[in-house]
Amino acid sequence: MMKKIKRSVAGVVVVSMLMGSNVATFAAYNSQMNKINEYKKVSNDRKKKLEAINRSLRDEVFNKNNQLHNQDAEIEEYKKSVEDYRKKVKNLIQEIEKIERTDPPSKPKQVSRGEVRKSNVQRYEVTAFTAGVESTGKRPGDPGYGVTASGEMVQEGVTIACPKHIPFGTRMKIENVGYRVCSDRGSDITSGRLDVYMDSLSAAQSFGRQSLLVEIVE
């Protein structure tokens, strides 16, 4: 009887030991499984984040490509517009040249005595004068000092003495001098001669006598 009891106790001890070992193994297994599940969760979270980043990058690339495509289309449209304008300008130039080649020259206008052809260009002998005694024989304070034959006061950059056949008020363009207005006469200013007014005697003397092309403008 005692032997049977001892064997039973020994069996219980063995079973208890086996059960304890299984519990420890199960606990270790559960711990490992929990770690594996945690790793999977972290991995899935990272995977989702990467997928979200990839989608965002794909969308951004897609949008940039659309923008570039639209810009390319705008550039092409601009190039077409520039080319159209160039063609229009070229056609206008050709039309103008065609008109200039085919349009007959205008007949010279017949003018009566005292009138001047506005398009007349010829060479004049041009000198310079002042309002002083060296040119007019008058001094400041003398009656008529600085007054032109037209009744206007002399003005540098404006006044010029012209031959009698050129009416007062005629505007003239003088080579290397500029525009002047006929408003004075002179005993020495005959046909083919002009006298330009200057304030400075030294400037007038320096100007001297020059042969210049003169165009009667109006």
N, C-alpha and C. Protein backbone atom coordinates (compact mmCIF):
# COMPACT_ATOMS: atom_id res chain seq x y z
N MET A 1 0.84 -1.20 0.00
CA MET A 1 0.00 0.00 0.00
C MET A 1 0.87 1.25 0.00
N MET A 2 1.87 1.24 0.83
CA MET A 2 2.79 2.38 0.92
C MET A 2 3.50 2.59 -0.41
N LYS A 3 3.82 1.54 -1.07
CA LYS A 3 4.51 1.66 -2.36
C LYS A 3 3.60 2.34 -3.39
N LYS A 4 2.31 1.93 -3.34
CA LYS A 4 1.35 2.54 -4.27
C LYS A 4 1.22 4.03 -4.00
N ILE A 5 1.20 4.38 -2.72
CA ILE A 5 1.07 5.81 -2.36
C ILE A 5 2.29 6.58 -2.84
N LYS A 6 3.47 6.03 -2.63
CA LYS A 6 4.70 6.68 -3.07
C LYS A 6 4.72 6.90 -4.57
N ARG A 7 4.26 5.85 -5.31
CA ARG A 7 4.22 5.98 -6.77
C ARG A 7 3.24 7.07 -7.19
N SER A 8 2.12 7.15 -6.48
CA SER A 8 1.11 8.18 -6.81
C SER A 8 1.66 9.57 -6.56
N VAL A 9 2.33 9.71 -5.41
CA VAL A 9 2.92 11.03 -5.08
C VAL A 9 3.97 11.41 -6.10
N ALA A 10 4.79 10.44 -6.48
CA ALA A 10 5.83 10.71 -7.47
C ALA A 10 5.22 11.14 -8.81
N GLY A 11 4.11 10.45 -9.13
CA GLY A 11 3.43 10.82 -10.40
C GLY A 11 2.89 12.21 -10.36
N VAL A 12 2.31 12.56 -9.20
CA VAL A 12 1.76 13.94 -9.06
C VAL A 12 2.88 14.95 -9.19
N VAL A 13 4.03 14.62 -8.57
CA VAL A 13 5.17 15.56 -8.64
C VAL A 13 5.63 15.73 -10.08
N VAL A 14 5.68 14.62 -10.79
CA VAL A 14 6.13 14.69 -12.20
C VAL A 14 5.17 15.50 -13.03
N VAL A 15 3.86 15.22 -12.78
CA VAL A 15 2.83 15.97 -13.52
C VAL A 15 2.91 17.45 -13.22
N SER A 16 3.11 17.75 -11.93
CA SER A 16 3.23 19.16 -11.53
C SER A 16 4.42 19.83 -12.20
N MET A 17 5.52 19.07 -12.25
CA MET A 17 6.73 19.62 -12.89
C MET A 17 6.50 19.85 -14.37
N LEU A 18 5.81 18.86 -14.98
CA LEU A 18 5.54 19.01 -16.41
C LEU A 18 4.60 20.19 -16.67
N MET A 19 3.60 20.30 -15.82
CA MET A 19 2.65 21.40 -15.98
C MET A 19 3.35 22.73 -15.77
N GLY A 20 4.22 22.81 -14.78
CA GLY A 20 4.97 24.06 -14.54
C GLY A 20 5.83 24.42 -15.73
N SER A 21 6.46 23.40 -16.28
CA SER A 21 7.31 23.65 -17.45
C SER A 21 6.49 24.11 -18.62
N ASN A 22 5.31 23.51 -18.82
CA ASN A 22 4.43 23.92 -19.94
C ASN A 22 3.93 25.35 -19.76
N VAL A 23 3.59 25.69 -18.53
CA VAL A 23 3.12 27.06 -18.25
C VAL A 23 4.21 28.07 -18.57
N ALA A 24 5.44 27.76 -18.18
CA ALA A 24 6.56 28.67 -18.47
C ALA A 24 6.78 28.80 -19.97
N THR A 25 6.69 27.62 -20.63
CA THR A 25 6.88 27.64 -22.09
C THR A 25 5.76 28.44 -22.77
N PHE A 26 4.55 28.25 -22.30
CA PHE A 26 3.41 28.98 -22.88
C PHE A 26 3.55 30.49 -22.66
N ALA A 27 4.00 30.83 -21.45
CA ALA A 27 4.20 32.26 -21.16
C ALA A 27 5.27 32.87 -22.07
N ALA A 28 6.35 32.11 -22.27
CA ALA A 28 7.41 32.60 -23.15
C ALA A 28 6.91 32.72 -24.58
N TYR A 29 6.08 31.72 -24.95
CA TYR A 29 5.50 31.75 -26.32
C TYR A 29 4.61 32.98 -26.50
N ASN A 30 3.76 33.20 -25.48
CA ASN A 30 2.88 34.38 -25.55
C ASN A 30 3.68 35.67 -25.63
N SER A 31 4.76 35.72 -24.85
CA SER A 31 5.60 36.93 -24.87
C SER A 31 6.20 37.15 -26.25
N GLN A 32 6.69 36.06 -26.86
CA GLN A 32 7.27 36.18 -28.20
C GLN A 32 6.22 36.59 -29.22
N MET A 33 5.01 35.98 -29.08
CA MET A 33 3.93 36.31 -30.01
C MET A 33 3.52 37.79 -29.88
N ASN A 34 3.49 38.26 -28.64
CA ASN A 34 3.15 39.67 -28.42
C ASN A 34 4.18 40.59 -29.08
N LYS A 35 5.46 40.21 -28.92
CA LYS A 35 6.51 41.01 -29.55
C LYS A 35 6.38 40.98 -31.07
N ILE A 36 6.08 39.78 -31.61
CA ILE A 36 5.93 39.66 -33.06
C ILE A 36 4.76 40.50 -33.55
N ASN A 37 3.64 40.44 -32.81
CA ASN A 37 2.46 41.24 -33.18
C ASN A 37 2.77 42.74 -33.10
N GLU A 38 3.56 43.11 -32.09
CA GLU A 38 3.92 44.53 -31.95
C GLU A 38 4.79 44.97 -33.12
N TYR A 39 5.75 44.11 -33.50
CA TYR A 39 6.59 44.41 -34.66
C TYR A 39 5.76 44.54 -35.92
N LYS A 40 4.77 43.62 -36.06
CA LYS A 40 3.89 43.67 -37.23
C LYS A 40 3.10 44.98 -37.27
N LYS A 41 2.61 45.37 -36.10
CA LYS A 41 1.84 46.62 -36.03
C LYS A 41 2.70 47.82 -36.41
N VAL A 42 3.92 47.86 -35.85
CA VAL A 42 4.84 48.95 -36.18
C VAL A 42 5.17 48.93 -37.66
N SER A 43 5.41 47.70 -38.18
CA SER A 43 5.74 47.57 -39.60
C SER A 43 4.58 48.02 -40.47
N ASN A 44 3.35 47.62 -40.08
CA ASN A 44 2.17 48.04 -40.85
C ASN A 44 2.00 49.55 -40.80
N ASP A 45 2.23 50.15 -39.61
CA ASP A 45 2.12 51.61 -39.50
C ASP A 45 3.13 52.30 -40.39
N ARG A 46 4.35 51.79 -40.38
CA ARG A 46 5.38 52.38 -41.25
C ARG A 46 5.03 52.20 -42.72
N LYS A 47 4.49 51.04 -43.04
CA LYS A 47 4.10 50.76 -44.42
C LYS A 47 3.01 51.73 -44.87
N LYS A 48 2.02 51.96 -43.97
CA LYS A 48 0.95 52.90 -44.30
C LYS A 48 1.48 54.32 -44.49
N LYS A 49 2.41 54.72 -43.61
CA LYS A 49 3.01 56.05 -43.74
C LYS A 49 3.77 56.19 -45.06
N LEU A 50 4.54 55.13 -45.39
CA LEU A 50 5.29 55.16 -46.65
C LEU A 50 4.35 55.22 -47.85
N GLU A 51 3.25 54.47 -47.78
CA GLU A 51 2.28 54.50 -48.87
C GLU A 51 1.65 55.88 -48.99
N ALA A 52 1.37 56.50 -47.84
CA ALA A 52 0.79 57.85 -47.86
C ALA A 52 1.78 58.85 -48.47
N ILE A 53 3.08 58.71 -48.09
CA ILE A 53 4.11 59.59 -48.64
C ILE A 53 4.24 59.37 -50.15
N ASN A 54 4.21 58.10 -50.56
CA ASN A 54 4.30 57.79 -51.99
C ASN A 54 3.14 58.38 -52.77
N ARG A 55 1.91 58.27 -52.19
CA ARG A 55 0.74 58.85 -52.86
C ARG A 55 0.88 60.36 -52.98
N SER A 56 1.36 60.98 -51.88
CA SER A 56 1.54 62.44 -51.90
C SER A 56 2.57 62.84 -52.96
N LEU A 57 3.68 62.08 -53.03
CA LEU A 57 4.71 62.38 -54.02
C LEU A 57 4.18 62.18 -55.44
N ARG A 58 3.42 61.09 -55.64
CA ARG A 58 2.85 60.85 -56.98
C ARG A 58 1.90 61.97 -57.38
N ASP A 59 1.07 62.41 -56.40
CA ASP A 59 0.14 63.51 -56.69
C ASP A 59 0.89 64.80 -57.02
N GLU A 60 1.96 65.05 -56.24
CA GLU A 60 2.74 66.27 -56.48
C GLU A 60 3.43 66.23 -57.84
N VAL A 61 4.00 65.07 -58.17
CA VAL A 61 4.64 64.92 -59.49
C VAL A 61 3.61 65.08 -60.60
N PHE A 62 2.43 64.50 -60.40
CA PHE A 62 1.37 64.62 -61.40
C PHE A 62 0.96 66.09 -61.61
N ASN A 63 0.81 66.80 -60.48
CA ASN A 63 0.44 68.21 -60.56
C ASN A 63 1.53 69.04 -61.24
N LYS A 64 2.79 68.74 -60.90
CA LYS A 64 3.89 69.48 -61.53
C LYS A 64 3.94 69.21 -63.03
N ASN A 65 3.70 67.95 -63.39
CA ASN A 65 3.69 67.63 -64.82
C ASN A 65 2.58 68.37 -65.55
N ASN A 66 1.41 68.46 -64.89
CA ASN A 66 0.31 69.22 -65.50
C ASN A 66 0.66 70.68 -65.64
N GLN A 67 1.31 71.25 -64.60
CA GLN A 67 1.72 72.65 -64.67
C GLN A 67 2.71 72.87 -65.79
N LEU A 68 3.69 71.96 -65.90
CA LEU A 68 4.68 72.09 -66.97
C LEU A 68 4.01 71.97 -68.34
N HIS A 69 3.06 71.06 -68.43
CA HIS A 69 2.35 70.89 -69.70
C HIS A 69 1.59 72.16 -70.06
N ASN A 70 0.92 72.74 -69.05
CA ASN A 70 0.18 73.98 -69.30
C ASN A 70 1.12 75.12 -69.68
N GLN A 71 2.27 75.19 -69.00
CA GLN A 71 3.25 76.23 -69.33
C GLN A 71 3.80 76.04 -70.73
N ASP A 72 4.05 74.79 -71.09
CA ASP A 72 4.53 74.52 -72.46
C ASP A 72 3.50 74.95 -73.49
N ALA A 73 2.23 74.69 -73.17
CA ALA A 73 1.16 75.09 -74.09
C ALA A 73 1.09 76.61 -74.21
N GLU A 74 1.26 77.32 -73.06
CA GLU A 74 1.24 78.78 -73.08
C GLU A 74 2.42 79.33 -73.88
N ILE A 75 3.59 78.70 -73.69
CA ILE A 75 4.78 79.14 -74.43
C ILE A 75 4.59 78.96 -75.93
N GLU A 76 4.02 77.81 -76.30
CA GLU A 76 3.77 77.56 -77.72
C GLU A 76 2.77 78.57 -78.28
N GLU A 77 1.75 78.90 -77.47
CA GLU A 77 0.76 79.88 -77.92
C GLU A 77 1.40 81.25 -78.08
N TYR A 78 2.29 81.60 -77.13
CA TYR A 78 3.00 82.87 -77.22
C TYR A 78 3.89 82.92 -78.46
N LYS A 79 4.59 81.80 -78.74
CA LYS A 79 5.44 81.74 -79.92
C LYS A 79 4.62 81.94 -81.19
N LYS A 80 3.44 81.32 -81.22
CA LYS A 80 2.56 81.47 -82.38
C LYS A 80 2.12 82.93 -82.55
N SER A 81 1.79 83.57 -81.42
CA SER A 81 1.37 84.97 -81.48
C SER A 81 2.50 85.86 -82.00
N VAL A 82 3.72 85.62 -81.49
CA VAL A 82 4.88 86.41 -81.94
C VAL A 82 5.11 86.20 -83.43
N GLU A 83 4.99 84.96 -83.87
CA GLU A 83 5.20 84.66 -85.29
C GLU A 83 4.13 85.33 -86.14
N ASP A 84 2.89 85.33 -85.64
CA ASP A 84 1.80 86.01 -86.37
C ASP A 84 2.09 87.49 -86.50
N TYR A 85 2.55 88.13 -85.40
CA TYR A 85 2.87 89.56 -85.45
C TYR A 85 4.01 89.82 -86.43
N ARG A 86 5.00 88.95 -86.43
CA ARG A 86 6.12 89.12 -87.36
C ARG A 86 5.63 89.07 -88.80
N LYS A 87 4.75 88.12 -89.07
CA LYS A 87 4.22 88.01 -90.43
C LYS A 87 3.42 89.26 -90.80
N LYS A 88 2.63 89.76 -89.85
CA LYS A 88 1.85 90.97 -90.13
C LYS A 88 2.76 92.17 -90.41
N VAL A 89 3.80 92.31 -89.56
CA VAL A 89 4.74 93.41 -89.77
C VAL A 89 5.44 93.28 -91.12
N LYS A 90 5.84 92.05 -91.44
CA LYS A 90 6.51 91.81 -92.72
C LYS A 90 5.59 92.16 -93.89
N ASN A 91 4.31 91.77 -93.78
CA ASN A 91 3.35 92.08 -94.84
C ASN A 91 3.13 93.59 -94.98
N LEU A 92 3.08 94.28 -93.83
CA LEU A 92 2.92 95.73 -93.87
C LEU A 92 4.11 96.40 -94.54
N ILE A 93 5.31 95.93 -94.18
CA ILE A 93 6.51 96.50 -94.79
C ILE A 93 6.50 96.27 -96.30
N GLN A 94 6.10 95.06 -96.71
CA GLN A 94 6.03 94.77 -98.14
C GLN A 94 4.99 95.64 -98.83
N GLU A 95 3.85 95.88 -98.17
CA GLU A 95 2.82 96.74 -98.75
C GLU A 95 3.33 98.17 -98.90
N ILE A 96 4.04 98.65 -97.86
CA ILE A 96 4.59 100.01 -97.92
C ILE A 96 5.60 100.14 -99.04
N GLU A 97 6.49 99.14 -99.14
CA GLU A 97 7.49 99.17 -100.21
C GLU A 97 6.83 99.09 -101.57
N LYS A 98 5.77 98.32 -101.68
CA LYS A 98 5.05 98.22 -102.95
C LYS A 98 4.42 99.54 -103.33
N ILE A 99 3.83 100.21 -102.33
CA ILE A 99 3.22 101.52 -102.58
C ILE A 99 4.27 102.53 -102.99
N GLU A 100 5.43 102.49 -102.28
CA GLU A 100 6.50 103.44 -102.61
C GLU A 100 7.04 103.21 -104.01
N ARG A 101 7.06 101.93 -104.46
CA ARG A 101 7.56 101.64 -105.80
C ARG A 101 6.56 102.03 -106.88
N THR A 102 5.27 101.86 -106.59
CA THR A 102 4.26 102.07 -107.62
C THR A 102 3.66 103.47 -107.59
N ASP A 103 3.72 104.15 -106.43
CA ASP A 103 3.09 105.47 -106.33
C ASP A 103 3.92 106.48 -107.11
N PRO A 104 3.35 107.17 -108.08
CA PRO A 104 4.12 108.14 -108.88
C PRO A 104 4.53 109.33 -108.03
N PRO A 105 5.70 109.88 -108.30
CA PRO A 105 6.13 111.06 -107.54
C PRO A 105 5.18 112.22 -107.77
N SER A 106 4.93 112.96 -106.71
CA SER A 106 4.01 114.09 -106.81
C SER A 106 4.63 115.19 -107.67
N LYS A 107 3.77 115.83 -108.41
CA LYS A 107 4.24 116.91 -109.27
C LYS A 107 4.60 118.12 -108.41
N PRO A 108 5.66 118.81 -108.79
CA PRO A 108 6.03 119.99 -108.02
C PRO A 108 4.92 121.03 -108.10
N LYS A 109 4.62 121.59 -106.96
CA LYS A 109 3.58 122.59 -106.89
C LYS A 109 4.05 123.89 -107.52
N GLN A 110 3.21 124.44 -108.39
CA GLN A 110 3.52 125.73 -109.00
C GLN A 110 3.18 126.83 -108.00
N VAL A 111 4.13 127.67 -107.79
CA VAL A 111 3.93 128.72 -106.80
C VAL A 111 3.97 130.07 -107.48
N SER A 112 3.22 130.98 -106.89
CA SER A 112 3.21 132.34 -107.41
C SER A 112 4.37 133.11 -106.80
N ARG A 113 4.55 134.31 -107.26
CA ARG A 113 5.65 135.14 -106.80
C ARG A 113 5.49 135.41 -105.30
N GLY A 114 6.54 135.28 -104.57
CA GLY A 114 6.50 135.51 -103.12
C GLY A 114 6.28 134.24 -102.33
N GLU A 115 5.86 133.13 -103.01
CA GLU A 115 5.69 131.87 -102.32
C GLU A 115 6.96 131.03 -102.47
N VAL A 116 7.08 130.03 -101.59
CA VAL A 116 8.29 129.21 -101.58
C VAL A 116 7.88 127.74 -101.63
N ARG A 117 8.59 126.93 -102.43
CA ARG A 117 8.35 125.49 -102.44
C ARG A 117 8.82 124.90 -101.11
N LYS A 118 7.88 124.20 -100.45
CA LYS A 118 8.18 123.69 -99.13
C LYS A 118 9.22 122.57 -99.17
N SER A 119 9.28 121.85 -100.25
CA SER A 119 10.20 120.73 -100.32
C SER A 119 11.55 121.12 -100.91
N ASN A 120 11.75 122.43 -101.11
CA ASN A 120 12.98 122.89 -101.76
C ASN A 120 14.17 122.73 -100.83
N VAL A 121 15.20 122.09 -101.33
CA VAL A 121 16.46 121.94 -100.59
C VAL A 121 17.58 122.42 -101.49
N GLN A 122 18.37 123.35 -100.97
CA GLN A 122 19.49 123.83 -101.76
C GLN A 122 20.60 124.30 -100.83
N ARG A 123 21.74 124.56 -101.41
CA ARG A 123 22.90 124.97 -100.63
C ARG A 123 22.94 126.49 -100.51
N TYR A 124 23.15 126.98 -99.28
CA TYR A 124 23.22 128.41 -99.01
C TYR A 124 24.58 128.75 -98.41
N GLU A 125 24.96 129.99 -98.59
CA GLU A 125 26.12 130.53 -97.88
C GLU A 125 25.60 131.12 -96.58
N VAL A 126 26.00 130.54 -95.45
CA VAL A 126 25.43 130.90 -94.15
C VAL A 126 26.48 131.59 -93.29
N THR A 127 26.11 132.74 -92.74
CA THR A 127 26.95 133.48 -91.80
C THR A 127 26.17 133.69 -90.51
N ALA A 128 26.78 134.41 -89.56
CA ALA A 128 26.13 134.65 -88.28
C ALA A 128 26.24 136.12 -87.94
N PHE A 129 25.26 136.64 -87.16
CA PHE A 129 25.28 138.05 -86.76
C PHE A 129 24.77 138.18 -85.33
N THR A 130 25.01 139.36 -84.74
CA THR A 130 24.51 139.66 -83.40
C THR A 130 23.66 140.93 -83.49
N ALA A 131 23.12 141.34 -82.35
CA ALA A 131 22.33 142.58 -82.32
C ALA A 131 23.21 143.80 -82.07
N GLY A 132 24.51 143.56 -81.85
CA GLY A 132 25.41 144.64 -81.48
C GLY A 132 25.87 145.49 -82.65
N VAL A 133 26.73 146.44 -82.33
CA VAL A 133 27.20 147.42 -83.29
C VAL A 133 28.01 146.77 -84.41
N GLU A 134 28.65 145.65 -84.14
CA GLU A 134 29.46 144.99 -85.15
C GLU A 134 28.62 144.51 -86.32
N SER A 135 27.36 144.16 -86.06
CA SER A 135 26.50 143.63 -87.12
C SER A 135 25.44 144.62 -87.57
N THR A 136 24.89 145.38 -86.60
CA THR A 136 23.74 146.26 -86.93
C THR A 136 24.07 147.75 -86.83
N GLY A 137 25.22 148.06 -86.22
CA GLY A 137 25.55 149.47 -86.02
C GLY A 137 24.82 150.09 -84.84
N LYS A 138 24.10 149.28 -84.07
CA LYS A 138 23.33 149.79 -82.93
C LYS A 138 23.89 149.24 -81.63
N ARG A 139 23.68 150.05 -80.58
CA ARG A 139 24.13 149.66 -79.26
C ARG A 139 22.93 149.51 -78.34
N PRO A 140 23.10 148.80 -77.24
CA PRO A 140 21.99 148.68 -76.29
C PRO A 140 21.49 150.07 -75.88
N GLY A 141 20.19 150.26 -75.93
CA GLY A 141 19.58 151.56 -75.61
C GLY A 141 19.22 152.35 -76.85
N ASP A 142 19.87 152.02 -78.00
CA ASP A 142 19.53 152.71 -79.25
C ASP A 142 18.12 152.29 -79.70
N PRO A 143 17.38 153.18 -80.37
CA PRO A 143 16.07 152.82 -80.91
C PRO A 143 16.20 151.65 -81.90
N GLY A 144 15.35 150.67 -81.75
CA GLY A 144 15.36 149.53 -82.66
C GLY A 144 16.42 148.50 -82.36
N TYR A 145 17.12 148.64 -81.21
CA TYR A 145 18.15 147.66 -80.88
C TYR A 145 17.50 146.29 -80.63
N GLY A 146 17.97 145.28 -81.35
CA GLY A 146 17.45 143.93 -81.16
C GLY A 146 16.12 143.67 -81.83
N VAL A 147 15.62 144.66 -82.59
CA VAL A 147 14.33 144.47 -83.28
C VAL A 147 14.60 144.07 -84.72
N THR A 148 13.94 143.04 -85.19
CA THR A 148 14.14 142.54 -86.56
C THR A 148 13.26 143.30 -87.54
N ALA A 149 13.48 143.05 -88.82
CA ALA A 149 12.70 143.71 -89.87
C ALA A 149 11.23 143.32 -89.82
N SER A 150 10.94 142.19 -89.19
CA SER A 150 9.54 141.76 -89.07
C SER A 150 8.87 142.36 -87.85
N GLY A 151 9.64 143.09 -87.02
CA GLY A 151 9.09 143.70 -85.82
C GLY A 151 9.27 142.87 -84.56
N GLU A 152 9.79 141.67 -84.72
CA GLU A 152 10.01 140.81 -83.57
C GLU A 152 11.41 141.01 -83.00
N MET A 153 11.56 140.68 -81.73
CA MET A 153 12.87 140.78 -81.11
C MET A 153 13.71 139.57 -81.53
N VAL A 154 15.04 139.81 -81.66
CA VAL A 154 15.92 138.71 -82.03
C VAL A 154 15.91 137.66 -80.92
N GLN A 155 16.10 136.41 -81.32
CA GLN A 155 16.10 135.31 -80.35
C GLN A 155 17.03 134.22 -80.85
N GLU A 156 18.05 133.90 -80.04
CA GLU A 156 18.99 132.87 -80.43
C GLU A 156 18.27 131.52 -80.53
N GLY A 157 18.61 130.77 -81.55
CA GLY A 157 17.96 129.50 -81.77
C GLY A 157 16.69 129.62 -82.58
N VAL A 158 16.31 130.87 -82.93
CA VAL A 158 15.07 131.08 -83.69
C VAL A 158 15.31 132.00 -84.89
N THR A 159 15.90 133.16 -84.63
CA THR A 159 15.95 134.21 -85.64
C THR A 159 16.98 133.92 -86.73
N ILE A 160 16.57 134.21 -87.96
CA ILE A 160 17.49 134.13 -89.09
C ILE A 160 17.10 135.22 -90.09
N ALA A 161 18.13 135.84 -90.69
CA ALA A 161 17.88 136.85 -91.74
C ALA A 161 17.91 136.16 -93.09
N CYS A 162 16.86 136.42 -93.92
CA CYS A 162 16.70 135.71 -95.19
C CYS A 162 16.57 136.71 -96.34
N PRO A 163 16.79 136.25 -97.56
CA PRO A 163 16.56 137.10 -98.73
C PRO A 163 15.09 137.52 -98.82
N LYS A 164 14.83 138.58 -99.56
CA LYS A 164 13.48 139.16 -99.61
C LYS A 164 12.45 138.23 -100.23
N HIS A 165 12.88 137.28 -101.07
CA HIS A 165 11.89 136.41 -101.72
C HIS A 165 11.36 135.32 -100.78
N ILE A 166 11.98 135.20 -99.59
CA ILE A 166 11.50 134.24 -98.60
C ILE A 166 10.62 134.98 -97.59
N PRO A 167 9.35 134.64 -97.45
CA PRO A 167 8.44 135.37 -96.56
C PRO A 167 8.83 135.23 -95.09
N PHE A 168 8.50 136.28 -94.31
CA PHE A 168 8.68 136.19 -92.87
C PHE A 168 7.83 135.02 -92.33
N GLY A 169 8.37 134.35 -91.33
CA GLY A 169 7.66 133.22 -90.74
C GLY A 169 8.00 131.89 -91.37
N THR A 170 8.77 131.91 -92.47
CA THR A 170 9.16 130.65 -93.11
C THR A 170 10.12 129.88 -92.21
N ARG A 171 9.81 128.63 -91.98
CA ARG A 171 10.64 127.79 -91.11
C ARG A 171 11.64 127.04 -91.99
N MET A 172 12.91 127.07 -91.56
CA MET A 172 13.98 126.49 -92.36
C MET A 172 14.84 125.57 -91.49
N LYS A 173 15.28 124.48 -92.10
CA LYS A 173 16.18 123.54 -91.42
C LYS A 173 17.57 123.66 -92.05
N ILE A 174 18.53 124.08 -91.24
CA ILE A 174 19.88 124.35 -91.73
C ILE A 174 20.81 123.24 -91.27
N GLU A 175 21.59 122.73 -92.17
CA GLU A 175 22.54 121.66 -91.88
C GLU A 175 23.48 122.07 -90.75
N ASN A 176 23.62 121.18 -89.74
CA ASN A 176 24.51 121.38 -88.59
C ASN A 176 24.11 122.55 -87.70
N VAL A 177 22.98 123.18 -88.00
CA VAL A 177 22.52 124.31 -87.19
C VAL A 177 21.19 123.98 -86.53
N GLY A 178 20.24 123.51 -87.32
CA GLY A 178 18.92 123.18 -86.80
C GLY A 178 17.85 124.04 -87.44
N TYR A 179 16.70 124.07 -86.79
CA TYR A 179 15.55 124.82 -87.31
C TYR A 179 15.64 126.29 -86.90
N ARG A 180 15.33 127.17 -87.85
CA ARG A 180 15.27 128.61 -87.61
C ARG A 180 14.06 129.18 -88.36
N VAL A 181 13.67 130.41 -87.95
CA VAL A 181 12.51 131.06 -88.57
C VAL A 181 12.95 132.38 -89.20
N CYS A 182 12.57 132.56 -90.43
CA CYS A 182 12.92 133.79 -91.14
C CYS A 182 12.14 134.96 -90.54
N SER A 183 12.87 135.93 -89.96
CA SER A 183 12.20 137.07 -89.35
C SER A 183 12.98 138.38 -89.50
N ASP A 184 14.05 138.35 -90.32
CA ASP A 184 14.87 139.54 -90.49
C ASP A 184 15.41 139.60 -91.92
N ARG A 185 15.86 140.79 -92.29
CA ARG A 185 16.50 141.00 -93.60
C ARG A 185 17.90 141.56 -93.35
N GLY A 186 18.60 141.81 -94.44
CA GLY A 186 19.92 142.41 -94.36
C GLY A 186 20.36 142.88 -95.73
N SER A 187 21.09 144.00 -95.77
CA SER A 187 21.49 144.54 -97.06
C SER A 187 22.39 143.57 -97.83
N ASP A 188 23.15 142.73 -97.08
CA ASP A 188 24.04 141.78 -97.73
C ASP A 188 23.38 140.42 -97.92
N ILE A 189 22.17 140.27 -97.38
CA ILE A 189 21.51 138.95 -97.45
C ILE A 189 20.67 138.91 -98.73
N THR A 190 21.32 138.46 -99.77
CA THR A 190 20.67 138.34 -101.08
C THR A 190 20.38 136.87 -101.36
N SER A 191 19.91 136.57 -102.54
CA SER A 191 19.56 135.21 -102.90
C SER A 191 20.75 134.26 -102.69
N GLY A 192 20.47 133.14 -102.01
CA GLY A 192 21.53 132.16 -101.76
C GLY A 192 22.32 132.42 -100.50
N ARG A 193 21.88 133.40 -99.69
CA ARG A 193 22.60 133.71 -98.46
C ARG A 193 21.64 133.74 -97.28
N LEU A 194 22.14 133.36 -96.09
CA LEU A 194 21.38 133.39 -94.85
C LEU A 194 22.29 133.90 -93.75
N ASP A 195 21.69 134.56 -92.75
CA ASP A 195 22.45 135.08 -91.62
C ASP A 195 21.77 134.62 -90.33
N VAL A 196 22.46 133.80 -89.55
CA VAL A 196 21.90 133.21 -88.33
C VAL A 196 22.21 134.11 -87.14
N TYR A 197 21.17 134.43 -86.32
CA TYR A 197 21.40 135.29 -85.15
C TYR A 197 21.99 134.49 -84.01
N MET A 198 23.00 135.13 -83.33
CA MET A 198 23.60 134.55 -82.12
C MET A 198 23.77 135.65 -81.09
N ASP A 199 23.60 135.32 -79.83
CA ASP A 199 23.76 136.31 -78.76
C ASP A 199 25.22 136.71 -78.59
N SER A 200 26.13 135.73 -78.75
CA SER A 200 27.54 135.95 -78.47
C SER A 200 28.30 136.37 -79.73
N LEU A 201 29.07 137.47 -79.62
CA LEU A 201 29.88 137.93 -80.74
C LEU A 201 30.97 136.91 -81.06
N SER A 202 31.58 136.33 -80.03
CA SER A 202 32.64 135.35 -80.28
C SER A 202 32.08 134.12 -80.98
N ALA A 203 30.86 133.71 -80.62
CA ALA A 203 30.24 132.55 -81.27
C ALA A 203 29.95 132.86 -82.73
N ALA A 204 29.48 134.09 -83.00
CA ALA A 204 29.19 134.49 -84.38
C ALA A 204 30.46 134.53 -85.20
N GLN A 205 31.53 135.08 -84.62
CA GLN A 205 32.79 135.16 -85.34
C GLN A 205 33.36 133.75 -85.57
N SER A 206 33.21 132.87 -84.57
CA SER A 206 33.70 131.50 -84.70
C SER A 206 32.93 130.73 -85.77
N PHE A 207 31.64 131.04 -85.92
CA PHE A 207 30.82 130.36 -86.92
C PHE A 207 31.34 130.65 -88.32
N GLY A 208 31.75 131.91 -88.53
CA GLY A 208 32.35 132.29 -89.81
C GLY A 208 31.37 132.21 -90.97
N ARG A 209 31.86 131.74 -92.11
CA ARG A 209 31.06 131.64 -93.33
C ARG A 209 31.09 130.18 -93.79
N GLN A 210 29.91 129.57 -93.89
CA GLN A 210 29.83 128.15 -94.21
C GLN A 210 28.85 127.91 -95.36
N SER A 211 29.16 126.91 -96.17
CA SER A 211 28.26 126.48 -97.23
C SER A 211 27.48 125.27 -96.73
N LEU A 212 26.17 125.47 -96.51
CA LEU A 212 25.36 124.43 -95.88
C LEU A 212 24.09 124.15 -96.68
N LEU A 213 23.61 122.92 -96.56
CA LEU A 213 22.33 122.57 -97.16
C LEU A 213 21.19 123.11 -96.30
N VAL A 214 20.20 123.69 -96.96
CA VAL A 214 19.07 124.30 -96.25
C VAL A 214 17.77 123.78 -96.87
N GLU A 215 16.86 123.33 -95.99
CA GLU A 215 15.55 122.87 -96.43
C GLU A 215 14.48 123.82 -95.92
N ILE A 216 13.65 124.32 -96.83
CA ILE A 216 12.54 125.16 -96.42
C ILE A 216 11.40 124.22 -96.02
N VAL A 217 11.06 124.24 -94.73
CA VAL A 217 10.09 123.30 -94.20
C VAL A 217 8.68 123.81 -94.36
N GLU A 218 8.45 125.05 -93.94
CA GLU A 218 7.09 125.61 -94.04
C GLU A 218 7.14 127.13 -93.95
